[in-house]
Each structure stands twice: as C-alpha cells, then as structure tokens.
Amino acid sequence: MQIDDDIDNCLKVLNEGGIILYPTDTIWGLGCDATNEKAVAKIFKIKKRSDTKSMIILVSNETQIRNYVSQKTPKIFDFIKGINKPVTVIYNNAINLASNVIAEDGSVGIRIVDEPFCKRLIDLFGKPIVSTSSNISGYPPPAIFDDIDIEIKNSVDYIVKYRRDETTPSSPSAVIKMNDDYSFTVLRN
C-alpha cells in the first residue's frame, strides 16, 4: 500500500536528519525532526529564509505538547475544538526542541494534526516534525502539490506520493497565541 511505503521512507529520512516534502492537514510542507538542529538548518537553507524566523511543529495529540512547552495548556484545547479548521497555537517557554525551531522570545507554534498520514507518521516517529510551507521565502505558499517549485522538490530527501493528485486548494491554519495568564489571542483566522 502506497501510504505504508511513504511512511517507511519518511521515517528513514527523518531518522537520518533529512528533509521530507509531505501533505499536512493544511498545505504541503517541508518537514524534519524538530529536535535536530542540523536538519532544521537545512530547511532554512532550502527556503532561503532567515533563521531568525520561527517554524511550527506538528504533534499528533494533546499529551505530546507537554513535552515541548513548560507553559500549562488547560483551556486552549476546548477553544480549538470549536474552530472548523486546523489551528496553530503559539506557546511560550518552548523546551526539548532544536534551538533554531524556537523563536527568539522562547515561543513555539504547535499544531495537533488530524490528517491521517501526518498523525500516523508522527506517532511512529515518536517526536514532533517541523512543518513549514513548501515555498521559497517571499513567495506565496503553494495551494496544491503541482504548484510547488521544482527547486524545492529537488532540494528534499523524499517526496511523499500520497495526496499528490489532489486539486482542491489548501489554506494555512488559524493561529492563536497562548498568553502567560492562560488567555489567548487570535492572530489569524
């Protein structure tokens, strides 16, 4: 089955510090082990992006978030459940991640994925995966696989075959900032 082959190939690449091009619950993303600083640096190079900009990470469930932020997260999950699209939450006090994934202010964006391929990949990998749009910095993120620049495709170690044929445009996630007082601010709907 194709999805099994894709998962196996992605796991091999991720474990070796490589870069994958993969479908997420939003747009196609560039991904790597979010705990591997050298792998994260490769993504910045591929995107021609300043390493002062942060990238988000994907996890497969609420429990995993506690491993990567020291900020308590009690109310945010109830709020997220009321939103009809994927939501990235920016948390303060990131921990246990590659330093170049964490923003200069110590925060990190985390999204719990619901997409079956990503969820299974993250569960089997056992660590969060970086997710950043599959475009050169300064260009718009591609809405479908066919719109991804050939330069990006030629720069990664593995391109997932699953979902390449989809033609329905995707859009980025909503973004919410979790404040220190446990309130939250919507940054992007």
Protein backbone atom coordinates (compact mmCIF):
# COMPACT_ATOMS: atom_id res chain seq x y z
CA MET A 1 0.00 0.00 0.00
CA GLN A 2 1.39 3.42 -1.00
CA ILE A 3 0.82 5.13 2.34
CA ASP A 4 2.83 2.41 4.13
CA ASP A 5 5.76 2.87 1.72
CA ASP A 6 5.59 6.65 2.18
CA ILE A 7 5.57 6.30 5.99
CA ASP A 8 8.56 3.90 5.89
CA ASN A 9 10.54 6.18 3.58
CA CYS A 10 9.73 9.27 5.66
CA LEU A 11 10.79 7.55 8.89
CA LYS A 12 14.12 6.56 7.33
CA VAL A 13 14.78 10.11 6.13
CA LEU A 14 13.68 11.74 9.39
CA ASN A 15 15.84 9.39 11.47
CA GLU A 16 18.84 10.26 9.28
CA GLY A 17 18.33 14.02 9.72
CA GLY A 18 16.88 14.51 6.24
CA ILE A 19 14.08 16.63 4.82
CA ILE A 20 10.69 15.45 3.57
CA LEU A 21 8.08 17.16 1.40
CA TYR A 22 4.73 15.99 2.67
CA PRO A 23 0.99 16.75 2.80
CA THR A 24 -0.28 18.12 6.10
CA ASP A 25 -3.72 18.99 7.39
CA THR A 26 -3.27 22.38 5.67
CA ILE A 27 -0.76 22.89 2.85
CA TRP A 28 2.17 20.78 1.61
CA GLY A 29 5.07 21.24 3.98
CA LEU A 30 8.78 20.82 4.34
CA GLY A 31 9.47 18.69 7.37
CA CYS A 32 12.24 17.31 9.54
CA ASP A 33 12.92 16.15 13.07
CA ALA A 34 12.02 19.16 15.24
CA THR A 35 14.67 18.13 17.78
CA ASN A 36 17.54 18.03 15.25
CA GLU A 37 19.23 21.42 14.85
CA LYS A 38 21.17 20.43 11.70
CA ALA A 39 18.01 19.18 9.99
CA VAL A 40 16.16 22.39 10.85
CA ALA A 41 19.07 24.43 9.43
CA LYS A 42 18.68 22.53 6.13
CA ILE A 43 15.08 23.70 5.86
CA PHE A 44 16.09 27.34 6.38
CA LYS A 45 18.65 26.88 3.58
CA ILE A 46 16.13 25.25 1.21
CA LYS A 47 13.60 28.02 1.79
CA LYS A 48 16.31 30.74 1.58
CA ARG A 49 14.80 32.04 4.78
CA SER A 50 16.37 33.94 7.64
CA ASP A 51 16.95 31.68 10.61
CA THR A 52 15.52 34.39 12.86
CA LYS A 53 12.03 33.43 11.69
CA SER A 54 10.49 30.54 13.56
CA MET A 55 8.80 27.44 12.17
CA ILE A 56 5.93 25.46 13.61
CA ILE A 57 5.95 21.87 14.74
CA LEU A 58 3.31 19.19 14.38
CA VAL A 59 2.30 16.73 17.09
CA SER A 60 -0.36 14.03 16.97
CA ASN A 61 -2.15 14.63 20.29
CA GLU A 62 -2.59 17.00 23.24
CA THR A 63 -0.38 14.96 25.55
CA GLN A 64 2.69 15.45 23.35
CA ILE A 65 2.52 19.23 23.76
CA ARG A 66 3.51 18.91 27.42
CA ASN A 67 6.88 17.50 26.31
CA TYR A 68 7.72 20.65 24.35
CA VAL A 69 6.39 23.59 26.39
CA SER A 70 6.61 24.36 30.08
CA GLN A 71 3.53 26.61 29.85
CA LYS A 72 0.37 24.94 31.13
CA THR A 73 -2.28 24.46 28.43
CA PRO A 74 -5.62 23.73 30.12
CA LYS A 75 -8.26 25.87 28.36
CA ILE A 76 -6.86 26.07 24.86
CA PHE A 77 -7.98 22.61 23.74
CA ASP A 78 -11.65 23.33 24.45
CA PHE A 79 -11.36 26.54 22.43
CA ILE A 80 -9.65 24.80 19.50
CA LYS A 81 -12.39 22.18 19.28
CA GLY A 82 -14.84 24.97 18.38
CA ILE A 83 -12.85 26.06 15.30
CA ASN A 84 -13.63 24.41 11.96
CA LYS A 85 -10.08 24.40 10.59
CA PRO A 86 -6.60 23.40 11.75
CA VAL A 87 -5.23 25.67 14.48
CA THR A 88 -1.63 26.50 15.30
CA VAL A 89 -1.12 27.66 18.88
CA ILE A 90 1.89 29.75 19.85
CA TYR A 91 3.07 28.76 23.31
CA ASN A 92 5.66 30.49 25.49
CA ASN A 93 8.58 28.64 27.10
CA ALA A 94 9.44 26.01 24.48
CA ILE A 95 11.58 23.09 25.70
CA ASN A 96 13.18 19.90 24.34
CA LEU A 97 13.32 21.19 20.74
CA ALA A 98 16.11 22.22 18.39
CA SER A 99 17.10 25.77 19.36
CA ASN A 100 16.54 27.01 15.79
CA VAL A 101 12.88 25.93 15.90
CA ILE A 102 12.25 28.13 18.93
CA ALA A 103 11.54 31.83 18.30
CA GLU A 104 13.83 34.49 19.76
CA ASP A 105 11.25 35.16 22.50
CA GLY A 106 11.28 31.49 23.56
CA SER A 107 7.94 30.62 21.97
CA VAL A 108 6.99 27.88 19.53
CA GLY A 109 4.00 27.28 17.26
CA ILE A 110 2.44 23.84 17.66
CA ARG A 111 -0.43 22.23 15.77
CA ILE A 112 -2.12 18.98 16.64
CA VAL A 113 -2.75 17.26 13.31
CA ASP A 114 -5.88 15.39 12.44
CA GLU A 115 -4.75 14.33 8.96
CA PRO A 116 -4.29 10.51 8.98
CA PHE A 117 -0.92 10.41 7.19
CA CYS A 118 0.70 13.04 9.45
CA LYS A 119 -0.82 11.62 12.61
CA ARG A 120 0.50 8.13 11.87
CA LEU A 121 3.92 9.42 10.80
CA ILE A 122 4.35 11.45 14.00
CA ASP A 123 3.13 8.59 16.19
CA LEU A 124 5.61 6.17 14.61
CA PHE A 125 8.46 8.71 14.63
CA GLY A 126 7.84 9.46 18.30
CA LYS A 127 8.86 13.12 18.04
CA PRO A 128 7.38 16.30 16.60
CA ILE A 129 8.00 17.16 12.97
CA VAL A 130 8.73 20.64 11.65
CA SER A 131 6.12 21.94 9.25
CA THR A 132 6.76 24.97 7.13
CA SER A 133 5.25 25.92 3.81
CA SER A 134 6.95 24.39 0.77
CA ASN A 135 7.93 27.64 -0.89
CA ILE A 136 11.00 29.84 -1.27
CA SER A 137 10.81 32.63 1.31
CA GLY A 138 8.97 35.65 -0.06
CA TYR A 139 6.82 33.66 -2.47
CA PRO A 140 3.25 32.58 -1.71
CA PRO A 141 2.77 29.08 -0.30
CA PRO A 142 1.58 26.60 -2.93
CA ALA A 143 -2.07 25.60 -2.58
CA ILE A 144 -1.59 22.21 -4.31
CA PHE A 145 1.34 19.85 -4.94
CA ASP A 146 1.69 20.80 -8.62
CA ASP A 147 2.34 24.43 -7.60
CA ILE A 148 5.46 23.56 -5.58
CA ASP A 149 8.62 25.00 -7.14
CA ILE A 150 10.92 22.44 -8.78
CA GLU A 151 13.82 23.92 -6.79
CA ILE A 152 12.07 22.88 -3.57
CA LYS A 153 11.29 19.41 -4.93
CA ASN A 154 14.93 18.91 -5.97
CA SER A 155 16.22 20.00 -2.53
CA VAL A 156 14.49 17.43 -0.31
CA ASP A 157 15.43 13.85 0.51
CA TYR A 158 11.97 12.35 -0.01
CA ILE A 159 8.70 13.49 -1.59
CA VAL A 160 5.58 11.75 -0.33
CA LYS A 161 3.45 10.25 -3.10
CA TYR A 162 0.23 10.19 -1.06
CA ARG A 163 -2.23 13.01 -1.97
CA ARG A 164 -0.15 14.45 -4.85
CA ASP A 165 -3.13 14.31 -7.22
CA GLU A 166 -5.45 16.49 -5.12
CA THR A 167 -6.57 19.65 -6.88
CA THR A 168 -8.59 21.34 -4.14
CA PRO A 169 -6.53 24.31 -2.93
CA SER A 170 -5.47 24.22 0.71
CA SER A 171 -5.05 27.13 3.06
CA PRO A 172 -2.90 27.81 6.12
CA SER A 173 -4.10 27.20 9.67
CA ALA A 174 -5.66 29.66 12.07
CA VAL A 175 -3.09 30.99 14.56
CA ILE A 176 -3.73 31.62 18.25
CA LYS A 177 -1.30 32.94 20.86
CA MET A 178 -1.50 31.40 24.34
CA ASN A 179 -0.76 34.18 26.83
CA ASP A 180 1.01 33.78 30.17
CA ASP A 181 -2.27 34.36 32.02
CA TYR A 182 -3.80 31.42 30.07
CA SER A 183 -5.98 33.70 27.99
CA PHE A 184 -5.46 33.57 24.23
CA THR A 185 -5.37 35.97 21.32
CA VAL A 186 -6.45 35.09 17.79
CA LEU A 187 -3.68 36.20 15.39
CA ARG A 188 -5.06 34.71 12.15
CA ASN A 189 -8.50 33.25 11.41
